[in-house]
All heavy atoms as atom14 arrays in JSON, in Angstrom:
{
  "sequence": "ALHADVDSWAEWNADVDEAKLDGPLLPGNSFRWKTHGLDITSTVQEVV",
  "atom14_mask": [
    [1, 1, 1, 1, 1, 0, 0, 0, 0, 0, 0, 0, 0, 0],
    [1, 1, 1, 1, 1, 1, 1, 1, 0, 0, 0, 0, 0, 0],
    [1, 1, 1, 1, 1, 1, 1, 1, 1, 1, 0, 0, 0, 0],
    [1, 1, 1, 1, 1, 0, 0, 0, 0, 0, 0, 0, 0, 0],
    [1, 1, 1, 1, 1, 1, 1, 1, 0, 0, 0, 0, 0, 0],
    [1, 1, 1, 1, 1, 1, 1, 0, 0, 0, 0, 0, 0, 0],
    [1, 1, 1, 1, 1, 1, 1, 1, 0, 0, 0, 0, 0, 0],
    [1, 1, 1, 1, 1, 1, 0, 0, 0, 0, 0, 0, 0, 0],
    [1, 1, 1, 1, 1, 1, 1, 1, 1, 1, 1, 1, 1, 1],
    [1, 1, 1, 1, 1, 0, 0, 0, 0, 0, 0, 0, 0, 0],
    [1, 1, 1, 1, 1, 1, 1, 1, 1, 0, 0, 0, 0, 0],
    [1, 1, 1, 1, 1, 1, 1, 1, 1, 1, 1, 1, 1, 1],
    [1, 1, 1, 1, 1, 1, 1, 1, 0, 0, 0, 0, 0, 0],
    [1, 1, 1, 1, 1, 0, 0, 0, 0, 0, 0, 0, 0, 0],
    [1, 1, 1, 1, 1, 1, 1, 1, 0, 0, 0, 0, 0, 0],
    [1, 1, 1, 1, 1, 1, 1, 0, 0, 0, 0, 0, 0, 0],
    [1, 1, 1, 1, 1, 1, 1, 1, 0, 0, 0, 0, 0, 0],
    [1, 1, 1, 1, 1, 1, 1, 1, 1, 0, 0, 0, 0, 0],
    [1, 1, 1, 1, 1, 0, 0, 0, 0, 0, 0, 0, 0, 0],
    [1, 1, 1, 1, 1, 1, 1, 1, 1, 0, 0, 0, 0, 0],
    [1, 1, 1, 1, 1, 1, 1, 1, 0, 0, 0, 0, 0, 0],
    [1, 1, 1, 1, 1, 1, 1, 1, 0, 0, 0, 0, 0, 0],
    [1, 1, 1, 1, 0, 0, 0, 0, 0, 0, 0, 0, 0, 0],
    [1, 1, 1, 1, 1, 1, 1, 0, 0, 0, 0, 0, 0, 0],
    [1, 1, 1, 1, 1, 1, 1, 1, 0, 0, 0, 0, 0, 0],
    [1, 1, 1, 1, 1, 1, 1, 1, 0, 0, 0, 0, 0, 0],
    [1, 1, 1, 1, 1, 1, 1, 0, 0, 0, 0, 0, 0, 0],
    [1, 1, 1, 1, 0, 0, 0, 0, 0, 0, 0, 0, 0, 0],
    [1, 1, 1, 1, 1, 1, 1, 1, 0, 0, 0, 0, 0, 0],
    [1, 1, 1, 1, 1, 1, 0, 0, 0, 0, 0, 0, 0, 0],
    [1, 1, 1, 1, 1, 1, 1, 1, 1, 1, 1, 0, 0, 0],
    [1, 1, 1, 1, 1, 1, 1, 1, 1, 1, 1, 0, 0, 0],
    [1, 1, 1, 1, 1, 1, 1, 1, 1, 1, 1, 1, 1, 1],
    [1, 1, 1, 1, 1, 1, 1, 1, 1, 0, 0, 0, 0, 0],
    [1, 1, 1, 1, 1, 1, 1, 0, 0, 0, 0, 0, 0, 0],
    [1, 1, 1, 1, 1, 1, 1, 1, 1, 1, 0, 0, 0, 0],
    [1, 1, 1, 1, 0, 0, 0, 0, 0, 0, 0, 0, 0, 0],
    [1, 1, 1, 1, 1, 1, 1, 1, 0, 0, 0, 0, 0, 0],
    [1, 1, 1, 1, 1, 1, 1, 1, 0, 0, 0, 0, 0, 0],
    [1, 1, 1, 1, 1, 1, 1, 1, 0, 0, 0, 0, 0, 0],
    [1, 1, 1, 1, 1, 1, 1, 0, 0, 0, 0, 0, 0, 0],
    [1, 1, 1, 1, 1, 1, 0, 0, 0, 0, 0, 0, 0, 0],
    [1, 1, 1, 1, 1, 1, 1, 0, 0, 0, 0, 0, 0, 0],
    [1, 1, 1, 1, 1, 1, 1, 0, 0, 0, 0, 0, 0, 0],
    [1, 1, 1, 1, 1, 1, 1, 1, 1, 0, 0, 0, 0, 0],
    [1, 1, 1, 1, 1, 1, 1, 1, 1, 0, 0, 0, 0, 0],
    [1, 1, 1, 1, 1, 1, 1, 0, 0, 0, 0, 0, 0, 0],
    [1, 1, 1, 1, 1, 1, 1, 0, 0, 0, 0, 0, 0, 0]
  ],
  "atom14_positions": [
    [[21.5, 80.84, 109.59], [20.47, 79.9, 109.14], [20.85, 78.46, 109.49], [19.99, 77.68, 109.95], [20.23, 80.04, 107.64], [0.0, 0.0, 0.0], [0.0, 0.0, 0.0], [0.0, 0.0, 0.0], [0.0, 0.0, 0.0], [0.0, 0.0, 0.0], [0.0, 0.0, 0.0], [0.0, 0.0, 0.0], [0.0, 0.0, 0.0], [0.0, 0.0, 0.0]],
    [[22.09, 78.1, 109.3], [22.54, 76.74, 109.66], [22.39, 76.49, 111.16], [21.86, 75.46, 111.58], [24.0, 76.54, 109.27], [24.29, 76.24, 107.82], [25.79, 76.33, 107.56], [23.78, 74.85, 107.45], [0.0, 0.0, 0.0], [0.0, 0.0, 0.0], [0.0, 0.0, 0.0], [0.0, 0.0, 0.0], [0.0, 0.0, 0.0], [0.0, 0.0, 0.0]],
    [[22.85, 77.44, 111.94], [22.85, 77.24, 113.39], [21.44, 77.32, 113.98], [21.12, 76.6, 114.93], [23.76, 78.27, 114.06], [24.13, 77.88, 115.45], [23.43, 78.29, 116.54], [25.11, 77.08, 115.9], [23.98, 77.77, 117.62], [25.0, 77.03, 117.26], [0.0, 0.0, 0.0], [0.0, 0.0, 0.0], [0.0, 0.0, 0.0], [0.0, 0.0, 0.0]],
    [[20.61, 78.17, 113.42], [19.26, 78.35, 113.96], [18.28, 77.26, 113.53], [17.21, 77.13, 114.11], [18.72, 79.72, 113.55], [0.0, 0.0, 0.0], [0.0, 0.0, 0.0], [0.0, 0.0, 0.0], [0.0, 0.0, 0.0], [0.0, 0.0, 0.0], [0.0, 0.0, 0.0], [0.0, 0.0, 0.0], [0.0, 0.0, 0.0], [0.0, 0.0, 0.0]],
    [[18.65, 76.47, 112.54], [17.8, 75.36, 112.08], [18.12, 74.12, 112.91], [18.83, 73.21, 112.48], [18.02, 75.1, 110.59], [17.09, 74.04, 110.03], [16.21, 73.53, 110.78], [17.25, 73.7, 108.85], [0.0, 0.0, 0.0], [0.0, 0.0, 0.0], [0.0, 0.0, 0.0], [0.0, 0.0, 0.0], [0.0, 0.0, 0.0], [0.0, 0.0, 0.0]],
    [[17.59, 74.11, 114.13], [17.88, 73.05, 115.09], [17.61, 71.66, 114.5], [18.4, 70.73, 114.68], [17.05, 73.25, 116.38], [17.2, 72.08, 117.33], [17.44, 74.56, 117.06], [0.0, 0.0, 0.0], [0.0, 0.0, 0.0], [0.0, 0.0, 0.0], [0.0, 0.0, 0.0], [0.0, 0.0, 0.0], [0.0, 0.0, 0.0], [0.0, 0.0, 0.0]],
    [[16.51, 71.52, 113.76], [16.13, 70.22, 113.21], [17.17, 69.65, 112.25], [17.18, 68.45, 112.0], [14.78, 70.31, 112.51], [13.64, 70.58, 113.48], [13.86, 70.64, 114.71], [12.5, 70.74, 113.01], [0.0, 0.0, 0.0], [0.0, 0.0, 0.0], [0.0, 0.0, 0.0], [0.0, 0.0, 0.0], [0.0, 0.0, 0.0], [0.0, 0.0, 0.0]],
    [[18.05, 70.48, 111.7], [19.05, 69.99, 110.74], [20.45, 69.81, 111.36], [21.38, 69.45, 110.65], [19.14, 70.93, 109.54], [19.81, 72.13, 109.89], [0.0, 0.0, 0.0], [0.0, 0.0, 0.0], [0.0, 0.0, 0.0], [0.0, 0.0, 0.0], [0.0, 0.0, 0.0], [0.0, 0.0, 0.0], [0.0, 0.0, 0.0], [0.0, 0.0, 0.0]],
    [[20.6, 70.05, 112.64], [21.93, 69.93, 113.24], [22.61, 68.61, 112.94], [23.79, 68.56, 112.65], [21.85, 70.12, 114.76], [21.66, 71.52, 115.23], [21.66, 72.66, 114.48], [21.41, 71.91, 116.57], [21.44, 73.75, 115.28], [21.28, 73.33, 116.57], [21.29, 71.23, 117.76], [21.04, 74.05, 117.73], [21.05, 71.94, 118.93], [20.93, 73.34, 118.9]],
    [[21.87, 67.53, 113.02], [22.46, 66.2, 112.82], [23.0, 66.01, 111.4], [23.84, 65.14, 111.17], [21.45, 65.11, 113.16], [0.0, 0.0, 0.0], [0.0, 0.0, 0.0], [0.0, 0.0, 0.0], [0.0, 0.0, 0.0], [0.0, 0.0, 0.0], [0.0, 0.0, 0.0], [0.0, 0.0, 0.0], [0.0, 0.0, 0.0], [0.0, 0.0, 0.0]],
    [[22.54, 66.83, 110.46], [23.01, 66.72, 109.08], [24.44, 67.22, 108.92], [25.15, 66.78, 108.01], [22.09, 67.51, 108.14], [20.68, 66.96, 108.07], [19.75, 67.87, 107.27], [20.24, 68.77, 106.55], [18.53, 67.68, 107.4], [0.0, 0.0, 0.0], [0.0, 0.0, 0.0], [0.0, 0.0, 0.0], [0.0, 0.0, 0.0], [0.0, 0.0, 0.0]],
    [[24.87, 68.15, 109.76], [26.2, 68.71, 109.59], [27.08, 68.6, 110.84], [28.28, 68.86, 110.76], [26.14, 70.17, 109.13], [25.33, 71.09, 109.99], [24.03, 71.43, 109.82], [25.78, 71.8, 111.16], [23.63, 72.3, 110.81], [24.68, 72.55, 111.63], [27.0, 71.88, 111.83], [24.77, 73.36, 112.77], [27.09, 72.69, 112.96], [25.99, 73.41, 113.4]],
    [[26.51, 68.21, 111.96], [27.29, 68.09, 113.19], [27.29, 66.62, 113.62], [26.29, 66.11, 114.12], [26.68, 68.96, 114.29], [27.52, 69.0, 115.53], [28.34, 68.13, 115.78], [27.31, 70.02, 116.34], [0.0, 0.0, 0.0], [0.0, 0.0, 0.0], [0.0, 0.0, 0.0], [0.0, 0.0, 0.0], [0.0, 0.0, 0.0], [0.0, 0.0, 0.0]],
    [[28.41, 65.95, 113.41], [28.51, 64.51, 113.68], [28.27, 64.16, 115.15], [27.92, 63.03, 115.47], [29.88, 63.99, 113.25], [0.0, 0.0, 0.0], [0.0, 0.0, 0.0], [0.0, 0.0, 0.0], [0.0, 0.0, 0.0], [0.0, 0.0, 0.0], [0.0, 0.0, 0.0], [0.0, 0.0, 0.0], [0.0, 0.0, 0.0], [0.0, 0.0, 0.0]],
    [[28.42, 65.12, 116.06], [28.2, 64.87, 117.48], [26.73, 64.9, 117.88], [26.38, 64.53, 119.0], [28.96, 65.88, 118.34], [30.46, 65.62, 118.36], [30.9, 64.54, 117.93], [31.2, 66.52, 118.79], [0.0, 0.0, 0.0], [0.0, 0.0, 0.0], [0.0, 0.0, 0.0], [0.0, 0.0, 0.0], [0.0, 0.0, 0.0], [0.0, 0.0, 0.0]],
    [[25.87, 65.37, 116.99], [24.44, 65.43, 117.27], [23.75, 64.3, 116.52], [23.79, 64.24, 115.3], [23.84, 66.79, 116.85], [22.33, 66.81, 117.06], [24.5, 67.92, 117.64], [0.0, 0.0, 0.0], [0.0, 0.0, 0.0], [0.0, 0.0, 0.0], [0.0, 0.0, 0.0], [0.0, 0.0, 0.0], [0.0, 0.0, 0.0], [0.0, 0.0, 0.0]],
    [[23.13, 63.39, 117.28], [22.46, 62.25, 116.67], [21.09, 62.63, 116.13], [20.66, 62.12, 115.1], [22.32, 61.11, 117.68], [23.68, 60.63, 118.16], [24.58, 60.46, 117.31], [23.85, 60.45, 119.38], [0.0, 0.0, 0.0], [0.0, 0.0, 0.0], [0.0, 0.0, 0.0], [0.0, 0.0, 0.0], [0.0, 0.0, 0.0], [0.0, 0.0, 0.0]],
    [[20.39, 63.49, 116.83], [19.11, 64.01, 116.36], [18.76, 65.25, 117.17], [19.25, 65.44, 118.29], [18.0, 62.97, 116.47], [17.69, 62.49, 117.87], [16.63, 61.4, 117.89], [16.91, 60.29, 117.41], [15.53, 61.67, 118.4], [0.0, 0.0, 0.0], [0.0, 0.0, 0.0], [0.0, 0.0, 0.0], [0.0, 0.0, 0.0], [0.0, 0.0, 0.0]],
    [[17.91, 66.09, 116.59], [17.47, 67.32, 117.26], [16.11, 67.71, 116.7], [15.88, 67.62, 115.49], [18.47, 68.44, 117.03], [0.0, 0.0, 0.0], [0.0, 0.0, 0.0], [0.0, 0.0, 0.0], [0.0, 0.0, 0.0], [0.0, 0.0, 0.0], [0.0, 0.0, 0.0], [0.0, 0.0, 0.0], [0.0, 0.0, 0.0], [0.0, 0.0, 0.0]],
    [[15.22, 68.14, 117.58], [13.87, 68.51, 117.16], [13.39, 69.68, 118.0], [13.27, 69.58, 119.22], [12.92, 67.32, 117.31], [11.49, 67.62, 116.91], [11.37, 67.87, 115.43], [9.92, 68.11, 115.06], [9.77, 68.93, 113.88], [0.0, 0.0, 0.0], [0.0, 0.0, 0.0], [0.0, 0.0, 0.0], [0.0, 0.0, 0.0], [0.0, 0.0, 0.0]],
    [[13.12, 70.79, 117.34], [12.61, 71.99, 117.99], [11.09, 71.91, 118.07], [10.43, 71.56, 117.1], [13.03, 73.23, 117.18], [12.56, 74.6, 117.66], [13.12, 74.92, 119.05], [12.99, 75.67, 116.67], [0.0, 0.0, 0.0], [0.0, 0.0, 0.0], [0.0, 0.0, 0.0], [0.0, 0.0, 0.0], [0.0, 0.0, 0.0], [0.0, 0.0, 0.0]],
    [[10.54, 72.2, 119.26], [9.09, 72.22, 119.46], [8.57, 73.61, 119.14], [8.56, 74.48, 120.01], [8.74, 71.85, 120.91], [9.18, 70.43, 121.27], [9.18, 69.57, 120.38], [9.52, 70.21, 122.44], [0.0, 0.0, 0.0], [0.0, 0.0, 0.0], [0.0, 0.0, 0.0], [0.0, 0.0, 0.0], [0.0, 0.0, 0.0], [0.0, 0.0, 0.0]],
    [[8.17, 73.83, 117.89], [7.66, 75.14, 117.49], [8.76, 76.0, 116.91], [9.85, 75.52, 116.6], [0.0, 0.0, 0.0], [0.0, 0.0, 0.0], [0.0, 0.0, 0.0], [0.0, 0.0, 0.0], [0.0, 0.0, 0.0], [0.0, 0.0, 0.0], [0.0, 0.0, 0.0], [0.0, 0.0, 0.0], [0.0, 0.0, 0.0], [0.0, 0.0, 0.0]],
    [[8.5, 77.3, 116.78], [9.51, 78.2, 116.23], [10.63, 78.48, 117.23], [10.49, 78.23, 118.43], [8.72, 79.47, 115.92], [7.53, 79.42, 116.81], [7.22, 77.97, 117.05], [0.0, 0.0, 0.0], [0.0, 0.0, 0.0], [0.0, 0.0, 0.0], [0.0, 0.0, 0.0], [0.0, 0.0, 0.0], [0.0, 0.0, 0.0], [0.0, 0.0, 0.0]],
    [[11.74, 78.98, 116.72], [12.89, 79.3, 117.55], [12.62, 80.62, 118.28], [12.99, 81.7, 117.83], [14.15, 79.41, 116.69], [15.46, 79.59, 117.45], [15.75, 78.38, 118.33], [16.6, 79.83, 116.48], [0.0, 0.0, 0.0], [0.0, 0.0, 0.0], [0.0, 0.0, 0.0], [0.0, 0.0, 0.0], [0.0, 0.0, 0.0], [0.0, 0.0, 0.0]],
    [[11.91, 80.49, 119.41], [11.52, 81.65, 120.21], [11.75, 81.35, 121.68], [11.67, 80.19, 122.11], [10.04, 81.96, 120.0], [9.62, 82.44, 118.62], [8.1, 82.52, 118.51], [10.25, 83.8, 118.33], [0.0, 0.0, 0.0], [0.0, 0.0, 0.0], [0.0, 0.0, 0.0], [0.0, 0.0, 0.0], [0.0, 0.0, 0.0], [0.0, 0.0, 0.0]],
    [[12.02, 82.39, 122.49], [12.18, 82.17, 123.93], [10.98, 81.44, 124.52], [9.83, 81.71, 124.17], [12.29, 83.6, 124.48], [12.87, 84.39, 123.35], [12.23, 83.79, 122.12], [0.0, 0.0, 0.0], [0.0, 0.0, 0.0], [0.0, 0.0, 0.0], [0.0, 0.0, 0.0], [0.0, 0.0, 0.0], [0.0, 0.0, 0.0], [0.0, 0.0, 0.0]],
    [[11.28, 80.48, 125.38], [10.25, 79.68, 126.03], [10.02, 78.35, 125.34], [9.55, 77.4, 125.97], [0.0, 0.0, 0.0], [0.0, 0.0, 0.0], [0.0, 0.0, 0.0], [0.0, 0.0, 0.0], [0.0, 0.0, 0.0], [0.0, 0.0, 0.0], [0.0, 0.0, 0.0], [0.0, 0.0, 0.0], [0.0, 0.0, 0.0], [0.0, 0.0, 0.0]],
    [[10.36, 78.24, 124.07], [10.21, 76.97, 123.37], [11.42, 76.08, 123.66], [12.5, 76.57, 123.96], [10.05, 77.18, 121.87], [8.67, 77.7, 121.53], [7.76, 77.67, 122.35], [8.51, 78.19, 120.3], [0.0, 0.0, 0.0], [0.0, 0.0, 0.0], [0.0, 0.0, 0.0], [0.0, 0.0, 0.0], [0.0, 0.0, 0.0], [0.0, 0.0, 0.0]],
    [[11.2, 74.79, 123.55], [12.26, 73.83, 123.87], [12.63, 73.0, 122.64], [11.87, 72.94, 121.68], [11.81, 72.89, 124.98], [11.59, 73.6, 126.18], [0.0, 0.0, 0.0], [0.0, 0.0, 0.0], [0.0, 0.0, 0.0], [0.0, 0.0, 0.0], [0.0, 0.0, 0.0], [0.0, 0.0, 0.0], [0.0, 0.0, 0.0], [0.0, 0.0, 0.0]],
    [[13.79, 72.39, 122.72], [14.16, 71.41, 121.71], [14.78, 70.21, 122.42], [15.42, 70.32, 123.46], [15.09, 71.99, 120.63], [16.35, 72.63, 121.13], [17.53, 71.9, 121.22], [16.39, 73.98, 121.48], [18.7, 72.5, 121.65], [17.55, 74.59, 121.89], [18.72, 73.84, 121.98], [0.0, 0.0, 0.0], [0.0, 0.0, 0.0], [0.0, 0.0, 0.0]],
    [[14.5, 69.06, 121.84], [15.05, 67.81, 122.35], [16.15, 67.37, 121.4], [15.98, 67.43, 120.18], [13.95, 66.75, 122.44], [12.92, 67.07, 123.51], [11.83, 66.0, 123.58], [11.21, 65.7, 122.31], [10.27, 66.43, 121.71], [9.85, 67.54, 122.28], [9.77, 66.08, 120.55], [0.0, 0.0, 0.0], [0.0, 0.0, 0.0], [0.0, 0.0, 0.0]],
    [[17.27, 66.93, 121.98], [18.37, 66.5, 121.13], [19.19, 65.43, 121.83], [19.13, 65.28, 123.05], [19.2, 67.68, 120.68], [19.76, 68.6, 121.74], [19.08, 69.25, 122.72], [21.12, 68.99, 121.89], [19.94, 70.03, 123.46], [21.19, 69.88, 122.96], [22.28, 68.67, 121.2], [22.39, 70.47, 123.38], [23.47, 69.25, 121.61], [23.52, 70.14, 122.68]],
    [[19.88, 64.67, 121.02], [20.73, 63.6, 121.52], [22.15, 63.86, 121.07], [22.4, 64.09, 119.88], [20.26, 62.24, 120.99], [18.91, 61.84, 121.52], [18.49, 60.48, 121.02], [17.1, 60.16, 121.57], [16.67, 58.81, 121.18], [0.0, 0.0, 0.0], [0.0, 0.0, 0.0], [0.0, 0.0, 0.0], [0.0, 0.0, 0.0], [0.0, 0.0, 0.0]],
    [[23.06, 63.83, 122.03], [24.48, 64.05, 121.76], [25.31, 63.29, 122.78], [24.96, 63.26, 123.96], [24.83, 65.56, 121.76], [26.21, 65.71, 121.42], [24.56, 66.22, 123.09], [0.0, 0.0, 0.0], [0.0, 0.0, 0.0], [0.0, 0.0, 0.0], [0.0, 0.0, 0.0], [0.0, 0.0, 0.0], [0.0, 0.0, 0.0], [0.0, 0.0, 0.0]],
    [[26.36, 62.66, 122.32], [27.27, 61.93, 123.21], [26.52, 60.96, 124.13], [26.86, 60.83, 125.32], [28.12, 62.9, 124.03], [28.98, 63.79, 123.19], [30.1, 63.36, 122.53], [28.84, 65.11, 122.87], [30.64, 64.36, 121.86], [29.9, 65.43, 122.05], [0.0, 0.0, 0.0], [0.0, 0.0, 0.0], [0.0, 0.0, 0.0], [0.0, 0.0, 0.0]],
    [[25.47, 60.33, 123.62], [24.71, 59.37, 124.4], [23.73, 59.97, 125.39], [23.11, 59.25, 126.17], [0.0, 0.0, 0.0], [0.0, 0.0, 0.0], [0.0, 0.0, 0.0], [0.0, 0.0, 0.0], [0.0, 0.0, 0.0], [0.0, 0.0, 0.0], [0.0, 0.0, 0.0], [0.0, 0.0, 0.0], [0.0, 0.0, 0.0], [0.0, 0.0, 0.0]],
    [[23.57, 61.28, 125.39], [22.67, 61.95, 126.32], [21.41, 62.42, 125.6], [21.49, 62.94, 124.49], [23.35, 63.17, 126.95], [24.63, 62.92, 127.74], [25.25, 64.24, 128.16], [24.35, 62.05, 128.95], [0.0, 0.0, 0.0], [0.0, 0.0, 0.0], [0.0, 0.0, 0.0], [0.0, 0.0, 0.0], [0.0, 0.0, 0.0], [0.0, 0.0, 0.0]],
    [[20.27, 62.25, 126.26], [19.02, 62.84, 125.8], [18.83, 64.14, 126.55], [18.72, 64.14, 127.78], [17.84, 61.9, 126.08], [17.88, 60.66, 125.23], [18.27, 60.75, 124.06], [17.5, 59.58, 125.73], [0.0, 0.0, 0.0], [0.0, 0.0, 0.0], [0.0, 0.0, 0.0], [0.0, 0.0, 0.0], [0.0, 0.0, 0.0], [0.0, 0.0, 0.0]],
    [[18.78, 65.25, 125.83], [18.75, 66.57, 126.45], [17.51, 67.33, 125.98], [17.16, 67.28, 124.8], [20.02, 67.37, 126.08], [21.27, 66.61, 126.53], [19.97, 68.77, 126.66], [22.57, 67.2, 126.02], [0.0, 0.0, 0.0], [0.0, 0.0, 0.0], [0.0, 0.0, 0.0], [0.0, 0.0, 0.0], [0.0, 0.0, 0.0], [0.0, 0.0, 0.0]],
    [[16.9, 68.04, 126.9], [15.87, 69.02, 126.54], [16.4, 70.38, 126.95], [16.7, 70.6, 128.13], [14.53, 68.73, 127.25], [14.06, 67.44, 126.85], [13.49, 69.79, 126.89], [0.0, 0.0, 0.0], [0.0, 0.0, 0.0], [0.0, 0.0, 0.0], [0.0, 0.0, 0.0], [0.0, 0.0, 0.0], [0.0, 0.0, 0.0], [0.0, 0.0, 0.0]],
    [[16.54, 71.26, 125.98], [17.02, 72.62, 126.23], [15.89, 73.6, 125.96], [15.1, 73.4, 125.04], [18.21, 72.95, 125.33], [19.32, 72.13, 125.63], [0.0, 0.0, 0.0], [0.0, 0.0, 0.0], [0.0, 0.0, 0.0], [0.0, 0.0, 0.0], [0.0, 0.0, 0.0], [0.0, 0.0, 0.0], [0.0, 0.0, 0.0], [0.0, 0.0, 0.0]],
    [[15.85, 74.66, 126.74], [14.84, 75.7, 126.56], [15.52, 76.96, 126.04], [16.54, 77.4, 126.57], [14.13, 76.0, 127.9], [13.5, 74.79, 128.34], [13.07, 77.08, 127.72], [0.0, 0.0, 0.0], [0.0, 0.0, 0.0], [0.0, 0.0, 0.0], [0.0, 0.0, 0.0], [0.0, 0.0, 0.0], [0.0, 0.0, 0.0], [0.0, 0.0, 0.0]],
    [[14.95, 77.51, 124.97], [15.47, 78.74, 124.39], [15.15, 79.89, 125.35], [14.01, 80.06, 125.76], [14.83, 79.0, 123.0], [15.33, 80.32, 122.42], [15.09, 77.84, 122.06], [0.0, 0.0, 0.0], [0.0, 0.0, 0.0], [0.0, 0.0, 0.0], [0.0, 0.0, 0.0], [0.0, 0.0, 0.0], [0.0, 0.0, 0.0], [0.0, 0.0, 0.0]],
    [[16.16, 80.65, 125.71], [16.0, 81.75, 126.64], [16.01, 83.11, 125.95], [15.37, 84.06, 126.42], [17.09, 81.7, 127.72], [17.01, 80.44, 128.55], [18.19, 80.28, 129.48], [19.28, 80.8, 129.23], [17.99, 79.54, 130.55], [0.0, 0.0, 0.0], [0.0, 0.0, 0.0], [0.0, 0.0, 0.0], [0.0, 0.0, 0.0], [0.0, 0.0, 0.0]],
    [[16.74, 83.21, 124.85], [16.87, 84.49, 124.16], [17.22, 84.25, 122.71], [18.01, 83.35, 122.4], [17.98, 85.3, 124.83], [18.22, 86.66, 124.25], [19.38, 87.4, 124.95], [19.85, 86.93, 126.01], [19.8, 88.43, 124.4], [0.0, 0.0, 0.0], [0.0, 0.0, 0.0], [0.0, 0.0, 0.0], [0.0, 0.0, 0.0], [0.0, 0.0, 0.0]],
    [[16.63, 85.03, 121.82], [16.97, 84.98, 120.4], [17.01, 86.41, 119.86], [16.04, 87.15, 119.99], [15.95, 84.17, 119.57], [16.32, 84.2, 118.09], [15.84, 82.74, 120.07], [0.0, 0.0, 0.0], [0.0, 0.0, 0.0], [0.0, 0.0, 0.0], [0.0, 0.0, 0.0], [0.0, 0.0, 0.0], [0.0, 0.0, 0.0], [0.0, 0.0, 0.0]],
    [[18.15, 86.77, 119.3], [18.29, 88.01, 118.55], [18.69, 87.55, 117.15], [19.86, 87.18, 116.94], [19.35, 88.95, 119.15], [19.48, 90.22, 118.31], [19.04, 89.27, 120.6], [0.0, 0.0, 0.0], [0.0, 0.0, 0.0], [0.0, 0.0, 0.0], [0.0, 0.0, 0.0], [0.0, 0.0, 0.0], [0.0, 0.0, 0.0], [0.0, 0.0, 0.0]]
  ]
}
C-alpha cells in the first residue's frame, strides 16, 4: 500500500519532491514525479 500509493511517495521518501499518478495504478497510465532535480514521467507497464 505504501509503495503503490504514488501520490504519497514524497511523504516518506526524502528523495522524492512530488509525485502524481494520472488515474489508477494500471498498465498504460503514467505518473509525473520530481527527484534529484529531475522532472520524470514514468509509464506503468505491469501491475500484479
